[in-house]
C-alpha cells in the first residue's frame, strides 16, 4: 500500500511537469537506472541480433525469464539519449509486470487520459504507432512512450516508488 501511495503522489507531480522539457540523459542516469533494474532481479543484456526496428524489449515469465534486452544493433550505444529512451521505455514494462496483480498499469486509470493527451500533443507519431496494438497493449505502450519523455530523475524516482521494490516475485506476464 505504501508503494501505491508513493506512486500516486509522484504521479501528481509528474502531471504538473511538462514531459517535453526532459533533460538529456547522462551515463550516470543510465547506470543508476540499470543498477536499480538489476536490484529487482531483472537481467539486462545487449543484443546485436534484434529484429530491425526493435530498440529494446522486456520479457517476463515467472521462474523462466526476467530480462530487459537493449538492441545494440538498432541504436547508437554511444548516444546516451538513445540508450536512455530504451531504458525508460522498458522500465515502464517492468513496472507494469510488477503491478500485474493490481491491473498491470504503470499509471492509474484517472491519470491515463491526461498522459494520452500529453503524448499526443508532444509526439503524435508515437501515439499513431500504437494503432496496431490491441487496446490493453496500446495502453501499456502509451505509458512506456510517455515515460521516455520524462526527465531521468523523474523516471528513476518513479521506478523506486513502484511495487517492484516491495515484492519478491512478479506474477506471470510478458511485455514487449
C-alpha atoms as a PDB file:
ATOM      1  CA  UNK A   1       0.000   0.000   0.000  1.00  0.00           C
ATOM      2  CA  UNK A   2       2.890   2.368   0.766  1.00  0.00           C
ATOM      3  CA  UNK A   3       4.247   1.990  -2.777  1.00  0.00           C
ATOM      4  CA  UNK A   4       0.821   2.797  -4.214  1.00  0.00           C
ATOM      5  CA  UNK A   5       0.616   5.989  -2.143  1.00  0.00           C
ATOM      6  CA  UNK A   6       4.136   6.998  -3.200  1.00  0.00           C
ATOM      7  CA  UNK A   7       3.303   6.376  -6.831  1.00  0.00           C
ATOM      8  CA  UNK A   8       0.076   8.395  -6.568  1.00  0.00           C
ATOM      9  CA  UNK A   9       1.925  11.343  -5.042  1.00  0.00           C
ATOM     10  CA  UNK A  10       4.628  11.094  -7.652  1.00  0.00           C
ATOM     11  CA  UNK A  11       2.058  10.886 -10.459  1.00  0.00           C
ATOM     12  CA  UNK A  12       0.511  14.123  -9.319  1.00  0.00           C
ATOM     13  CA  UNK A  13       3.947  15.726  -9.566  1.00  0.00           C
ATOM     14  CA  UNK A  14       4.612  14.200 -12.987  1.00  0.00           C
ATOM     15  CA  UNK A  15       1.420  15.546 -14.434  1.00  0.00           C
ATOM     16  CA  UNK A  16       2.377  19.061 -13.388  1.00  0.00           C
ATOM     17  CA  UNK A  17       5.720  18.767 -15.150  1.00  0.00           C
ATOM     18  CA  UNK A  18       5.952  19.199 -18.897  1.00  0.00           C
ATOM     19  CA  UNK A  19       7.439  15.965 -20.286  1.00  0.00           C
ATOM     20  CA  UNK A  20       8.669  17.823 -23.359  1.00  0.00           C
ATOM     21  CA  UNK A  21      11.166  19.667 -21.181  1.00  0.00           C
ATOM     22  CA  UNK A  22      13.049  16.479 -20.277  1.00  0.00           C
ATOM     23  CA  UNK A  23      16.730  16.986 -19.726  1.00  0.00           C
ATOM     24  CA  UNK A  24      19.243  14.986 -21.708  1.00  0.00           C
ATOM     25  CA  UNK A  25      20.293  11.731 -20.101  1.00  0.00           C
ATOM     26  CA  UNK A  26      23.817  11.101 -18.899  1.00  0.00           C
ATOM     27  CA  UNK A  27      25.751   7.883 -18.472  1.00  0.00           C
ATOM     28  CA  UNK A  28      25.282   8.323 -14.718  1.00  0.00           C
ATOM     29  CA  UNK A  29      21.477   8.334 -15.235  1.00  0.00           C
ATOM     30  CA  UNK A  30      21.704   5.169 -17.337  1.00  0.00           C
ATOM     31  CA  UNK A  31      23.957   3.437 -14.798  1.00  0.00           C
ATOM     32  CA  UNK A  32      21.691   4.463 -11.894  1.00  0.00           C
ATOM     33  CA  UNK A  33      18.568   3.122 -13.565  1.00  0.00           C
ATOM     34  CA  UNK A  34      20.353  -0.032 -14.748  1.00  0.00           C
ATOM     35  CA  UNK A  35      21.533  -0.791 -11.208  1.00  0.00           C
ATOM     36  CA  UNK A  36      18.009  -0.216  -9.885  1.00  0.00           C
ATOM     37  CA  UNK A  37      16.601  -2.564 -12.525  1.00  0.00           C
ATOM     38  CA  UNK A  38      19.159  -5.245 -11.653  1.00  0.00           C
ATOM     39  CA  UNK A  39      18.352  -4.859  -7.955  1.00  0.00           C
ATOM     40  CA  UNK A  40      14.824  -6.121  -8.662  1.00  0.00           C
ATOM     41  CA  UNK A  41      16.243  -9.312 -10.197  1.00  0.00           C
ATOM     42  CA  UNK A  42      15.865  -8.280 -13.820  1.00  0.00           C
ATOM     43  CA  UNK A  43      18.785  -9.203 -16.043  1.00  0.00           C
ATOM     44  CA  UNK A  44      19.949  -6.628 -18.629  1.00  0.00           C
ATOM     45  CA  UNK A  45      21.543  -7.836 -21.851  1.00  0.00           C
ATOM     46  CA  UNK A  46      22.711  -6.161 -25.030  1.00  0.00           C
ATOM     47  CA  UNK A  47      21.912  -7.982 -28.259  1.00  0.00           C
ATOM     48  CA  UNK A  48      23.324  -7.456 -31.726  1.00  0.00           C
ATOM     49  CA  UNK A  49      20.774  -9.786 -33.302  1.00  0.00           C
ATOM     50  CA  UNK A  50      17.460  -7.980 -32.727  1.00  0.00           C
ATOM     51  CA  UNK A  51      14.889  -7.688 -35.478  1.00  0.00           C
ATOM     52  CA  UNK A  52      15.094  -4.488 -37.475  1.00  0.00           C
ATOM     53  CA  UNK A  53      13.114  -1.711 -35.816  1.00  0.00           C
ATOM     54  CA  UNK A  54      13.361  -3.087 -32.261  1.00  0.00           C
ATOM     55  CA  UNK A  55      15.285  -0.828 -29.909  1.00  0.00           C
ATOM     56  CA  UNK A  56      14.698  -2.987 -26.864  1.00  0.00           C
ATOM     57  CA  UNK A  57      12.186  -5.223 -25.154  1.00  0.00           C
ATOM     58  CA  UNK A  58      11.283  -6.686 -21.796  1.00  0.00           C
ATOM     59  CA  UNK A  59      10.396 -10.321 -21.188  1.00  0.00           C
ATOM     60  CA  UNK A  60       8.993 -11.824 -18.030  1.00  0.00           C
ATOM     61  CA  UNK A  61       7.647 -15.250 -17.321  1.00  0.00           C
ATOM     62  CA  UNK A  62       7.630 -16.452 -13.721  1.00  0.00           C
ATOM     63  CA  UNK A  63      10.613 -18.672 -12.854  1.00  0.00           C
ATOM     64  CA  UNK A  64      11.737 -18.668 -16.517  1.00  0.00           C
ATOM     65  CA  UNK A  65      12.829 -15.240 -17.714  1.00  0.00           C
ATOM     66  CA  UNK A  66      13.061 -11.700 -16.343  1.00  0.00           C
ATOM     67  CA  UNK A  67      15.123  -9.806 -18.873  1.00  0.00           C
ATOM     68  CA  UNK A  68      15.465  -6.377 -20.439  1.00  0.00           C
ATOM     69  CA  UNK A  69      17.180  -6.535 -23.828  1.00  0.00           C
ATOM     70  CA  UNK A  70      18.810  -3.481 -25.396  1.00  0.00           C
ATOM     71  CA  UNK A  71      19.087  -3.884 -29.172  1.00  0.00           C
ATOM     72  CA  UNK A  72      22.637  -2.645 -29.745  1.00  0.00           C
ATOM     73  CA  UNK A  73      22.367  -3.386 -33.473  1.00  0.00           C
ATOM     74  CA  UNK A  74      19.474  -0.911 -33.854  1.00  0.00           C
ATOM     75  CA  UNK A  75      20.551   2.032 -31.684  1.00  0.00           C
ATOM     76  CA  UNK A  76      23.744   4.022 -31.239  1.00  0.00           C
ATOM     77  CA  UNK A  77      25.050   2.699 -27.919  1.00  0.00           C
ATOM     78  CA  UNK A  78      27.377   5.729 -27.680  1.00  0.00           C
ATOM     79  CA  UNK A  79      24.392   8.105 -27.685  1.00  0.00           C
ATOM     80  CA  UNK A  80      23.180   8.307 -24.075  1.00  0.00           C
ATOM     81  CA  UNK A  81      19.799   9.721 -25.122  1.00  0.00           C
ATOM     82  CA  UNK A  82      19.050   6.730 -27.360  1.00  0.00           C
ATOM     83  CA  UNK A  83      20.122   4.275 -24.683  1.00  0.00           C
ATOM     84  CA  UNK A  84      18.171   6.189 -22.026  1.00  0.00           C
ATOM     85  CA  UNK A  85      14.966   6.114 -24.074  1.00  0.00           C
ATOM     86  CA  UNK A  86      15.179   2.318 -24.268  1.00  0.00           C
ATOM     87  CA  UNK A  87      15.743   2.013 -20.517  1.00  0.00           C
ATOM     88  CA  UNK A  88      12.956   4.485 -19.662  1.00  0.00           C
ATOM     89  CA  UNK A  89      10.536   2.726 -22.028  1.00  0.00           C
ATOM     90  CA  UNK A  90      11.339  -0.793 -20.841  1.00  0.00           C
ATOM     91  CA  UNK A  91      11.371   0.105 -17.144  1.00  0.00           C
ATOM     92  CA  UNK A  92       7.725   1.049 -17.634  1.00  0.00           C
ATOM     93  CA  UNK A  93       7.020  -2.514 -18.795  1.00  0.00           C
ATOM     94  CA  UNK A  94       8.873  -3.810 -15.727  1.00  0.00           C
ATOM     95  CA  UNK A  95       6.626  -1.670 -13.500  1.00  0.00           C
ATOM     96  CA  UNK A  96       3.586  -2.985 -15.390  1.00  0.00           C
ATOM     97  CA  UNK A  97       4.727  -6.573 -14.735  1.00  0.00           C
ATOM     98  CA  UNK A  98       5.241  -5.824 -11.032  1.00  0.00           C
ATOM     99  CA  UNK A  99       1.727  -4.383 -10.904  1.00  0.00           C
ATOM    100  CA  UNK A 100       0.097  -7.299 -12.762  1.00  0.00           C
ATOM    101  CA  UNK A 101      -1.909  -8.379  -9.696  1.00  0.00           C
ATOM    102  CA  UNK A 102      -3.239  -4.819  -9.415  1.00  0.00           C
ATOM    103  CA  UNK A 103      -4.070  -4.498 -13.111  1.00  0.00           C
ATOM    104  CA  UNK A 104      -0.690  -4.230 -14.848  1.00  0.00           C
ATOM    105  CA  UNK A 105      -0.654  -0.448 -15.127  1.00  0.00           C
ATOM    106  CA  UNK A 106       2.211   1.938 -14.517  1.00  0.00           C
ATOM    107  CA  UNK A 107      -0.214   4.850 -14.090  1.00  0.00           C
ATOM    108  CA  UNK A 108      -3.646   4.852 -12.502  1.00  0.00           C
ATOM    109  CA  UNK A 109      -6.754   4.993 -14.681  1.00  0.00           C
ATOM    110  CA  UNK A 110      -7.512   8.534 -13.556  1.00  0.00           C
ATOM    111  CA  UNK A 111      -4.200   9.833 -14.976  1.00  0.00           C
ATOM    112  CA  UNK A 112      -4.208   7.897 -18.217  1.00  0.00           C
ATOM    113  CA  UNK A 113      -6.366  10.306 -20.284  1.00  0.00           C
ATOM    114  CA  UNK A 114      -4.008  13.159 -19.410  1.00  0.00           C
ATOM    115  CA  UNK A 115      -0.964  11.058 -20.249  1.00  0.00           C
ATOM    116  CA  UNK A 116      -2.527  10.149 -23.586  1.00  0.00           C
ATOM    117  CA  UNK A 117      -3.323  13.788 -24.429  1.00  0.00           C
ATOM    118  CA  UNK A 118       0.143  14.951 -23.388  1.00  0.00           C
ATOM    119  CA  UNK A 119       1.859  12.306 -25.502  1.00  0.00           C
ATOM    120  CA  UNK A 120      -0.426  13.054 -28.435  1.00  0.00           C
ATOM    121  CA  UNK A 121       0.500  16.727 -28.217  1.00  0.00           C
ATOM    122  CA  UNK A 122       4.259  16.213 -27.781  1.00  0.00           C
ATOM    123  CA  UNK A 123       4.800  13.250 -30.085  1.00  0.00           C
ATOM    124  CA  UNK A 124       1.757  12.461 -32.260  1.00  0.00           C
ATOM    125  CA  UNK A 125       3.607   9.874 -34.358  1.00  0.00           C
ATOM    126  CA  UNK A 126       4.376   7.885 -31.210  1.00  0.00           C
ATOM    127  CA  UNK A 127       0.642   7.620 -30.476  1.00  0.00           C
ATOM    128  CA  UNK A 128      -0.107   6.748 -34.119  1.00  0.00           C
ATOM    129  CA  UNK A 129       2.493   3.956 -33.987  1.00  0.00           C
ATOM    130  CA  UNK A 130       0.432   2.223 -31.287  1.00  0.00           C
ATOM    131  CA  UNK A 131      -2.641   1.884 -33.531  1.00  0.00           C
ATOM    132  CA  UNK A 132      -1.748  -1.712 -34.435  1.00  0.00           C
ATOM    133  CA  UNK A 133      -1.797  -2.812 -30.796  1.00  0.00           C
ATOM    134  CA  UNK A 134      -4.851  -4.225 -29.038  1.00  0.00           C
ATOM    135  CA  UNK A 135      -6.427  -1.861 -26.518  1.00  0.00           C
ATOM    136  CA  UNK A 136      -4.580  -3.236 -23.469  1.00  0.00           C
ATOM    137  CA  UNK A 137      -1.198  -3.409 -25.207  1.00  0.00           C
ATOM    138  CA  UNK A 138      -1.816   0.052 -26.646  1.00  0.00           C
ATOM    139  CA  UNK A 139      -2.286   1.426 -23.151  1.00  0.00           C
ATOM    140  CA  UNK A 140       0.933  -0.219 -21.968  1.00  0.00           C
ATOM    141  CA  UNK A 141       2.846   1.195 -24.939  1.00  0.00           C
ATOM    142  CA  UNK A 142       1.459   4.696 -24.443  1.00  0.00           C
ATOM    143  CA  UNK A 143       2.540   4.611 -20.795  1.00  0.00           C
ATOM    144  CA  UNK A 144       6.027   3.489 -21.846  1.00  0.00           C
ATOM    145  CA  UNK A 145       6.336   6.096 -24.592  1.00  0.00           C
ATOM    146  CA  UNK A 146       5.230   8.803 -22.186  1.00  0.00           C
ATOM    147  CA  UNK A 147       7.904   7.725 -19.709  1.00  0.00           C
ATOM    148  CA  UNK A 148      10.571   8.224 -22.407  1.00  0.00           C
ATOM    149  CA  UNK A 149       9.764  11.947 -22.392  1.00  0.00           C
ATOM    150  CA  UNK A 150      10.227  12.474 -18.655  1.00  0.00           C
ATOM    151  CA  UNK A 151      13.447  13.765 -17.117  1.00  0.00           C
ATOM    152  CA  UNK A 152      15.781  10.944 -15.994  1.00  0.00           C
ATOM    153  CA  UNK A 153      15.476  11.953 -12.323  1.00  0.00           C
ATOM    154  CA  UNK A 154      11.693  11.522 -12.516  1.00  0.00           C
ATOM    155  CA  UNK A 155      11.893   8.122 -14.231  1.00  0.00           C
ATOM    156  CA  UNK A 156      14.312   6.829 -11.598  1.00  0.00           C
ATOM    157  CA  UNK A 157      12.165   8.210  -8.758  1.00  0.00           C
ATOM    158  CA  UNK A 158       9.024   6.704 -10.316  1.00  0.00           C
ATOM    159  CA  UNK A 159      10.676   3.284 -10.590  1.00  0.00           C
ATOM    160  CA  UNK A 160      11.907   3.432  -6.996  1.00  0.00           C
ATOM    161  CA  UNK A 161       8.347   4.197  -5.843  1.00  0.00           C
ATOM    162  CA  UNK A 162       6.855   1.265  -7.752  1.00  0.00           C
ATOM    163  CA  UNK A 163       5.704  -2.110  -6.492  1.00  0.00           C
ATOM    164  CA  UNK A 164       8.885  -3.661  -7.929  1.00  0.00           C
ATOM    165  CA  UNK A 165      10.694  -2.746  -4.725  1.00  0.00           C
ATOM    166  CA  UNK A 166       8.041  -4.186  -2.421  1.00  0.00           C
ATOM    167  CA  UNK A 167       7.610  -7.670  -3.805  1.00  0.00           C
ATOM    168  CA  UNK A 168       9.940 -10.575  -4.320  1.00  0.00           C
ATOM    169  CA  UNK A 169       8.167 -12.342  -7.179  1.00  0.00           C
ATOM    170  CA  UNK A 170       6.190 -10.881 -10.051  1.00  0.00           C
ATOM    171  CA  UNK A 171       3.067 -12.554 -11.430  1.00  0.00           C
ATOM    172  CA  UNK A 172       3.324 -14.259 -14.824  1.00  0.00           C
ATOM    173  CA  UNK A 173       3.425 -11.725 -17.654  1.00  0.00           C
ATOM    174  CA  UNK A 174       5.301 -10.916 -20.841  1.00  0.00           C
ATOM    175  CA  UNK A 175       5.504  -7.406 -22.311  1.00  0.00           C
ATOM    176  CA  UNK A 176       7.150  -6.042 -25.435  1.00  0.00           C
END
